[in-house]
N, C-alpha and C. Protein backbone atom coordinates (compact mmCIF):
# COMPACT_ATOMS: atom_id res chain seq x y z
N UNK A 1 4.15 3.69 11.62
CA UNK A 1 4.48 2.77 12.70
C UNK A 1 5.76 2.03 12.31
N UNK A 2 6.67 1.84 13.25
CA UNK A 2 7.93 1.17 12.91
C UNK A 2 7.76 -0.35 12.78
N UNK A 3 8.76 -0.97 12.19
CA UNK A 3 8.86 -2.42 12.10
C UNK A 3 9.65 -2.87 13.33
N UNK A 4 9.12 -3.82 14.06
CA UNK A 4 9.78 -4.38 15.24
C UNK A 4 10.70 -5.51 14.77
N UNK A 5 11.95 -5.49 15.24
CA UNK A 5 12.94 -6.48 14.80
C UNK A 5 13.48 -7.24 16.01
N UNK A 6 13.46 -8.57 15.93
CA UNK A 6 14.03 -9.42 16.97
C UNK A 6 15.19 -10.20 16.36
N UNK A 7 16.28 -10.28 17.12
CA UNK A 7 17.50 -10.95 16.65
C UNK A 7 17.74 -12.21 17.47
N UNK A 8 18.02 -13.32 16.78
CA UNK A 8 18.39 -14.57 17.43
C UNK A 8 19.61 -14.30 18.32
N UNK A 9 19.66 -14.88 19.54
CA UNK A 9 20.74 -14.55 20.48
C UNK A 9 22.16 -14.60 19.91
N UNK A 10 22.46 -15.56 19.06
CA UNK A 10 23.83 -15.62 18.53
C UNK A 10 24.11 -14.53 17.51
N UNK A 11 23.08 -13.88 16.99
CA UNK A 11 23.27 -12.78 16.05
C UNK A 11 23.45 -11.43 16.75
N UNK A 12 22.88 -11.30 17.95
CA UNK A 12 22.89 -10.01 18.66
C UNK A 12 24.28 -9.43 18.77
N UNK A 13 25.27 -10.24 19.15
CA UNK A 13 26.62 -9.72 19.37
C UNK A 13 27.28 -9.22 18.09
N UNK A 14 26.73 -9.60 16.94
CA UNK A 14 27.29 -9.16 15.66
C UNK A 14 26.55 -7.97 15.05
N UNK A 15 25.44 -7.57 15.67
CA UNK A 15 24.70 -6.43 15.14
C UNK A 15 25.36 -5.13 15.56
N UNK A 16 25.12 -4.10 14.81
CA UNK A 16 25.64 -2.77 15.18
C UNK A 16 25.00 -2.27 16.47
N UNK A 17 23.72 -2.57 16.65
CA UNK A 17 22.99 -2.07 17.83
C UNK A 17 23.32 -2.84 19.10
N UNK A 18 23.73 -4.11 18.97
CA UNK A 18 24.01 -4.99 20.12
C UNK A 18 22.78 -5.18 21.01
N UNK A 19 21.60 -5.07 20.42
CA UNK A 19 20.34 -5.20 21.15
C UNK A 19 19.53 -6.37 20.59
N UNK A 20 18.88 -7.16 21.45
CA UNK A 20 18.08 -8.28 20.96
C UNK A 20 16.78 -7.85 20.26
N UNK A 21 16.31 -6.64 20.58
CA UNK A 21 15.09 -6.11 19.96
C UNK A 21 15.36 -4.67 19.54
N UNK A 22 15.05 -4.38 18.28
CA UNK A 22 15.22 -3.03 17.76
C UNK A 22 13.98 -2.66 16.95
N UNK A 23 13.93 -1.44 16.49
CA UNK A 23 12.87 -1.02 15.58
C UNK A 23 13.52 -0.30 14.40
N UNK A 24 12.82 -0.35 13.28
CA UNK A 24 13.27 0.31 12.06
C UNK A 24 12.09 1.12 11.53
N UNK A 25 12.34 2.34 11.14
CA UNK A 25 11.27 3.15 10.55
C UNK A 25 10.85 2.52 9.23
N UNK A 26 9.55 2.26 9.12
CA UNK A 26 9.03 1.66 7.90
C UNK A 26 9.00 2.69 6.79
N UNK A 27 9.27 2.21 5.56
CA UNK A 27 9.09 3.01 4.35
C UNK A 27 8.70 2.05 3.25
N UNK A 28 8.03 2.55 2.25
CA UNK A 28 7.60 1.72 1.13
C UNK A 28 8.81 1.06 0.48
N UNK A 29 8.75 -0.23 0.26
CA UNK A 29 9.82 -0.97 -0.40
C UNK A 29 10.86 -1.56 0.54
N UNK A 30 10.73 -1.33 1.84
CA UNK A 30 11.69 -1.87 2.81
C UNK A 30 11.60 -3.40 2.83
N UNK A 31 12.77 -4.06 2.84
CA UNK A 31 12.82 -5.52 2.87
C UNK A 31 13.69 -5.99 4.05
N UNK A 32 13.51 -7.24 4.46
CA UNK A 32 14.37 -7.78 5.51
C UNK A 32 15.86 -7.71 5.15
N UNK A 33 16.19 -7.91 3.90
CA UNK A 33 17.60 -7.84 3.46
C UNK A 33 18.20 -6.47 3.82
N UNK A 34 17.46 -5.40 3.56
CA UNK A 34 17.96 -4.06 3.87
C UNK A 34 18.19 -3.88 5.36
N UNK A 35 17.26 -4.39 6.18
CA UNK A 35 17.40 -4.29 7.63
C UNK A 35 18.63 -5.08 8.07
N UNK A 36 18.81 -6.28 7.53
CA UNK A 36 19.92 -7.16 7.88
C UNK A 36 21.26 -6.52 7.52
N UNK A 37 21.37 -6.01 6.31
CA UNK A 37 22.62 -5.39 5.86
C UNK A 37 22.92 -4.11 6.64
N UNK A 38 21.88 -3.36 7.01
CA UNK A 38 22.07 -2.12 7.75
C UNK A 38 22.63 -2.37 9.15
N UNK A 39 22.45 -3.58 9.68
CA UNK A 39 22.99 -3.92 10.99
C UNK A 39 24.43 -4.43 10.90
N UNK A 40 25.02 -4.37 9.70
CA UNK A 40 26.43 -4.71 9.55
C UNK A 40 26.73 -6.10 9.02
N UNK A 41 25.71 -6.82 8.64
CA UNK A 41 25.93 -8.16 8.10
C UNK A 41 26.21 -8.08 6.60
N UNK A 42 26.79 -9.14 6.05
CA UNK A 42 27.10 -9.19 4.62
C UNK A 42 26.08 -10.04 3.87
N UNK A 43 26.16 -9.99 2.56
CA UNK A 43 25.29 -10.83 1.72
C UNK A 43 25.57 -12.31 2.02
N UNK A 44 26.83 -12.66 2.26
CA UNK A 44 27.17 -14.06 2.58
C UNK A 44 26.51 -14.48 3.90
N UNK A 45 26.48 -13.58 4.88
CA UNK A 45 25.80 -13.87 6.15
C UNK A 45 24.32 -14.14 5.92
N UNK A 46 23.74 -13.44 4.97
CA UNK A 46 22.31 -13.54 4.70
C UNK A 46 21.90 -14.95 4.29
N UNK A 47 22.83 -15.71 3.73
CA UNK A 47 22.52 -17.08 3.31
C UNK A 47 22.27 -18.01 4.49
N UNK A 48 22.70 -17.60 5.69
CA UNK A 48 22.59 -18.47 6.85
C UNK A 48 21.50 -18.05 7.83
N UNK A 49 20.60 -17.16 7.41
CA UNK A 49 19.54 -16.74 8.32
C UNK A 49 18.17 -17.13 7.79
N UNK A 50 17.27 -17.28 8.72
CA UNK A 50 15.87 -17.57 8.42
C UNK A 50 15.10 -16.31 8.79
N UNK A 51 14.24 -15.87 7.90
CA UNK A 51 13.45 -14.65 8.10
C UNK A 51 12.03 -15.03 8.49
N UNK A 52 11.54 -14.43 9.57
CA UNK A 52 10.17 -14.63 10.03
C UNK A 52 9.49 -13.27 10.05
N UNK A 53 8.34 -13.15 9.39
CA UNK A 53 7.56 -11.92 9.42
C UNK A 53 6.18 -12.28 9.96
N UNK A 54 5.82 -11.64 11.05
CA UNK A 54 4.51 -11.87 11.68
C UNK A 54 4.25 -13.36 11.90
N UNK A 55 5.25 -14.06 12.44
CA UNK A 55 5.18 -15.48 12.79
C UNK A 55 5.10 -16.44 11.60
N UNK A 56 5.42 -15.98 10.40
CA UNK A 56 5.43 -16.85 9.22
C UNK A 56 6.78 -16.72 8.50
N UNK A 57 7.31 -17.85 8.03
CA UNK A 57 8.58 -17.81 7.32
C UNK A 57 8.44 -16.98 6.05
N UNK A 58 9.46 -16.19 5.76
CA UNK A 58 9.44 -15.30 4.60
C UNK A 58 10.84 -15.27 3.99
N UNK A 59 10.97 -14.53 2.91
CA UNK A 59 12.26 -14.40 2.25
C UNK A 59 12.90 -13.05 2.55
N UNK A 60 14.16 -12.94 2.24
CA UNK A 60 14.89 -11.69 2.47
C UNK A 60 14.37 -10.55 1.62
N UNK A 61 13.70 -10.86 0.52
CA UNK A 61 13.20 -9.81 -0.37
C UNK A 61 11.70 -9.57 -0.23
N UNK A 62 11.09 -10.21 0.75
CA UNK A 62 9.66 -10.01 1.00
C UNK A 62 9.44 -8.57 1.48
N UNK A 63 8.55 -7.82 0.83
CA UNK A 63 8.30 -6.44 1.28
C UNK A 63 7.73 -6.41 2.69
N UNK A 64 8.25 -5.50 3.49
CA UNK A 64 7.72 -5.30 4.84
C UNK A 64 6.59 -4.28 4.80
N UNK A 65 5.69 -4.40 5.77
CA UNK A 65 4.57 -3.47 5.88
C UNK A 65 4.63 -2.75 7.22
N UNK A 66 4.02 -1.61 7.26
CA UNK A 66 3.97 -0.79 8.46
C UNK A 66 3.48 -1.62 9.64
N UNK A 67 4.27 -1.68 10.72
CA UNK A 67 3.87 -2.40 11.93
C UNK A 67 4.22 -3.87 11.96
N UNK A 68 4.90 -4.39 10.94
CA UNK A 68 5.29 -5.80 10.92
C UNK A 68 6.23 -6.14 12.07
N UNK A 69 6.23 -7.44 12.43
CA UNK A 69 7.17 -7.99 13.39
C UNK A 69 8.14 -8.87 12.59
N UNK A 70 9.40 -8.50 12.59
CA UNK A 70 10.43 -9.18 11.82
C UNK A 70 11.39 -9.87 12.78
N UNK A 71 11.72 -11.13 12.48
CA UNK A 71 12.69 -11.88 13.28
C UNK A 71 13.76 -12.45 12.36
N UNK A 72 14.99 -12.43 12.84
CA UNK A 72 16.09 -13.09 12.15
C UNK A 72 16.58 -14.22 13.04
N UNK A 73 16.55 -15.44 12.49
CA UNK A 73 17.00 -16.62 13.22
C UNK A 73 18.15 -17.25 12.45
N UNK A 74 18.97 -18.03 13.16
CA UNK A 74 20.05 -18.75 12.51
C UNK A 74 19.47 -20.01 11.90
N UNK A 75 19.78 -20.22 10.64
CA UNK A 75 19.33 -21.42 9.94
C UNK A 75 20.32 -22.53 10.24
N UNK A 76 19.86 -23.54 10.97
CA UNK A 76 20.74 -24.65 11.34
C UNK A 76 20.39 -25.85 10.48
N UNK A 77 21.42 -26.34 9.80
CA UNK A 77 21.23 -27.50 8.92
C UNK A 77 22.19 -28.59 9.36
N UNK A 78 21.75 -29.78 9.23
CA UNK A 78 22.60 -30.91 9.62
C UNK A 78 22.46 -32.06 8.65
N UNK A 79 23.24 -33.06 8.87
CA UNK A 79 23.20 -34.17 7.95
C UNK A 79 23.17 -35.49 8.61
């Protein structure tokens, strides 16, 4: 079963797919970082995103599981 991926609206225009919702074929060891980089983002870009897996905050290196729902959101910080 594939991993469902949702992109925050401001990220969509920068993805290779240009789609707000995509899927990725799951494989053992797949991480959000790999999905993010495969869509054309850089490691520096990765510092500004929040990763959500199955409605819970996660890290870029959290292993994905078959059928997971992955979301990338923009991390907004203020002072």
